[in-house]
Amino acid sequence: MFGLGWPEVGVIALAAILIFGPKKIPEMGSALGKTLRGFKEELKGSDDDVEQDHDR
């Protein structure tokens, strides 16, 4: 995962909790998940558009 080991991931998670607080982390995770899901759907949709254009 980006060349990061577990100690580095732990330090990043601890820093995020200290900066944003434990209540804000789930909200941020949810927003990130929705953003990534939408991005994947758009990529899939653009792939379908390319295939349709290629078939014409």
N, C-alpha and C. Protein backbone atom coordinates (compact mmCIF):
# COMPACT_ATOMS: atom_id res chain seq x y z
N MET A 1 0.84 -1.18 0.00
CA MET A 1 0.00 0.00 0.00
C MET A 1 0.88 1.24 0.00
N PHE A 2 1.26 1.72 -1.16
CA PHE A 2 2.06 2.92 -1.34
C PHE A 2 3.41 2.83 -0.64
N GLY A 3 3.90 1.63 -0.40
CA GLY A 3 5.19 1.47 0.25
C GLY A 3 5.17 1.83 1.74
N LEU A 4 4.00 1.85 2.35
CA LEU A 4 3.88 2.16 3.77
C LEU A 4 3.73 0.87 4.56
N GLY A 5 4.42 0.81 5.68
CA GLY A 5 4.28 -0.33 6.57
C GLY A 5 3.25 -0.02 7.65
N TRP A 6 2.97 -1.02 8.49
CA TRP A 6 1.98 -0.83 9.55
C TRP A 6 2.35 0.28 10.53
N PRO A 7 3.64 0.43 10.89
CA PRO A 7 3.97 1.54 11.81
C PRO A 7 3.63 2.91 11.23
N GLU A 8 3.90 3.10 9.94
CA GLU A 8 3.59 4.38 9.30
C GLU A 8 2.09 4.62 9.23
N VAL A 9 1.33 3.57 8.90
CA VAL A 9 -0.13 3.69 8.84
C VAL A 9 -0.67 4.03 10.22
N GLY A 10 -0.13 3.42 11.26
CA GLY A 10 -0.56 3.71 12.62
C GLY A 10 -0.28 5.15 13.01
N VAL A 11 0.88 5.66 12.65
CA VAL A 11 1.21 7.05 12.97
C VAL A 11 0.27 8.00 12.23
N ILE A 12 -0.03 7.70 10.96
CA ILE A 12 -0.96 8.54 10.19
C ILE A 12 -2.35 8.51 10.81
N ALA A 13 -2.81 7.32 11.21
CA ALA A 13 -4.13 7.21 11.84
C ALA A 13 -4.18 7.97 13.16
N LEU A 14 -3.13 7.86 13.96
CA LEU A 14 -3.08 8.58 15.23
C LEU A 14 -3.09 10.09 14.99
N ALA A 15 -2.34 10.55 14.01
CA ALA A 15 -2.32 11.98 13.70
C ALA A 15 -3.70 12.45 13.24
N ALA A 16 -4.38 11.63 12.43
CA ALA A 16 -5.72 12.00 11.95
C ALA A 16 -6.70 12.10 13.12
N ILE A 17 -6.61 11.18 14.06
CA ILE A 17 -7.50 11.23 15.22
C ILE A 17 -7.21 12.46 16.07
N LEU A 18 -5.94 12.79 16.24
CA LEU A 18 -5.59 13.97 17.03
C LEU A 18 -6.03 15.26 16.35
N ILE A 19 -5.93 15.31 15.03
CA ILE A 19 -6.27 16.53 14.29
C ILE A 19 -7.77 16.70 14.16
N PHE A 20 -8.46 15.65 13.73
CA PHE A 20 -9.89 15.77 13.41
C PHE A 20 -10.80 15.31 14.53
N GLY A 21 -10.31 14.51 15.43
CA GLY A 21 -11.15 14.01 16.52
C GLY A 21 -11.82 12.71 16.12
N PRO A 22 -12.12 11.87 17.08
CA PRO A 22 -12.69 10.55 16.78
C PRO A 22 -14.10 10.61 16.20
N LYS A 23 -14.85 11.67 16.45
CA LYS A 23 -16.22 11.76 15.92
C LYS A 23 -16.23 12.13 14.44
N LYS A 24 -15.23 12.84 14.00
CA LYS A 24 -15.21 13.33 12.62
C LYS A 24 -14.66 12.26 11.65
N ILE A 25 -13.85 11.33 12.13
CA ILE A 25 -13.20 10.33 11.27
C ILE A 25 -14.22 9.48 10.50
N PRO A 26 -15.28 8.91 11.13
CA PRO A 26 -16.26 8.12 10.36
C PRO A 26 -16.96 8.94 9.28
N GLU A 27 -17.25 10.20 9.57
CA GLU A 27 -17.88 11.05 8.57
C GLU A 27 -16.96 11.25 7.37
N MET A 28 -15.69 11.46 7.65
CA MET A 28 -14.73 11.64 6.56
C MET A 28 -14.55 10.36 5.76
N GLY A 29 -14.55 9.22 6.44
CA GLY A 29 -14.44 7.94 5.75
C GLY A 29 -15.62 7.68 4.85
N SER A 30 -16.80 8.01 5.35
CA SER A 30 -18.02 7.84 4.55
C SER A 30 -17.98 8.73 3.32
N ALA A 31 -17.59 9.97 3.50
CA ALA A 31 -17.51 10.90 2.36
C ALA A 31 -16.48 10.43 1.35
N LEU A 32 -15.35 9.93 1.83
CA LEU A 32 -14.31 9.43 0.92
C LEU A 32 -14.83 8.21 0.16
N GLY A 33 -15.54 7.32 0.84
CA GLY A 33 -16.10 6.14 0.18
C GLY A 33 -17.10 6.51 -0.90
N LYS A 34 -17.97 7.47 -0.61
CA LYS A 34 -18.95 7.91 -1.61
C LYS A 34 -18.25 8.54 -2.81
N THR A 35 -17.21 9.32 -2.54
CA THR A 35 -16.46 9.97 -3.62
C THR A 35 -15.79 8.93 -4.51
N LEU A 36 -15.12 7.95 -3.89
CA LEU A 36 -14.45 6.91 -4.67
C LEU A 36 -15.45 6.06 -5.44
N ARG A 37 -16.60 5.76 -4.84
CA ARG A 37 -17.63 4.98 -5.52
C ARG A 37 -18.15 5.73 -6.74
N GLY A 38 -18.40 7.02 -6.58
CA GLY A 38 -18.85 7.83 -7.71
C GLY A 38 -17.81 7.91 -8.80
N PHE A 39 -16.54 8.02 -8.41
CA PHE A 39 -15.45 8.07 -9.37
C PHE A 39 -15.36 6.77 -10.17
N LYS A 40 -15.49 5.63 -9.47
CA LYS A 40 -15.45 4.34 -10.17
C LYS A 40 -16.62 4.19 -11.13
N GLU A 41 -17.80 4.66 -10.70
CA GLU A 41 -18.98 4.57 -11.58
C GLU A 41 -18.78 5.43 -12.83
N GLU A 42 -18.20 6.61 -12.66
CA GLU A 42 -17.94 7.48 -13.81
C GLU A 42 -16.92 6.85 -14.75
N LEU A 43 -15.89 6.22 -14.19
CA LEU A 43 -14.91 5.55 -15.04
C LEU A 43 -15.55 4.41 -15.81
N LYS A 44 -16.40 3.64 -15.13
CA LYS A 44 -17.08 2.53 -15.79
C LYS A 44 -18.00 3.07 -16.88
N GLY A 45 -18.70 4.16 -16.59
CA GLY A 45 -19.58 4.77 -17.57
C GLY A 45 -18.81 5.28 -18.78
N SER A 46 -17.63 5.84 -18.56
CA SER A 46 -16.85 6.34 -19.69
C SER A 46 -16.30 5.17 -20.52
N ASP A 47 -15.99 4.04 -19.87
CA ASP A 47 -15.56 2.86 -20.61
C ASP A 47 -16.68 2.35 -21.51
N ASP A 48 -17.93 2.36 -21.00
CA ASP A 48 -19.08 1.94 -21.80
C ASP A 48 -19.27 2.88 -22.99
N ASP A 49 -19.06 4.18 -22.77
CA ASP A 49 -19.20 5.15 -23.85
C ASP A 49 -18.16 4.90 -24.93
N VAL A 50 -16.95 4.56 -24.53
CA VAL A 50 -15.88 4.29 -25.51
C VAL A 50 -16.22 3.05 -26.33
N GLU A 51 -16.74 2.01 -25.67
CA GLU A 51 -17.12 0.80 -26.40
C GLU A 51 -18.25 1.09 -27.37
N GLN A 52 -19.23 1.90 -26.98
CA GLN A 52 -20.33 2.22 -27.88
C GLN A 52 -19.83 3.02 -29.07
N ASP A 53 -18.91 3.94 -28.85
CA ASP A 53 -18.35 4.72 -29.95
C ASP A 53 -17.53 3.84 -30.89
N HIS A 54 -16.85 2.85 -30.32
CA HIS A 54 -16.02 1.96 -31.13
C HIS A 54 -16.87 1.03 -31.99
N ASP A 55 -18.05 0.64 -31.48
CA ASP A 55 -18.93 -0.27 -32.21
C ASP A 55 -19.58 0.42 -33.40
N ARG A 56 -19.67 1.71 -33.40
CA ARG A 56 -20.35 2.43 -34.50
C ARG A 56 -19.57 2.42 -35.74
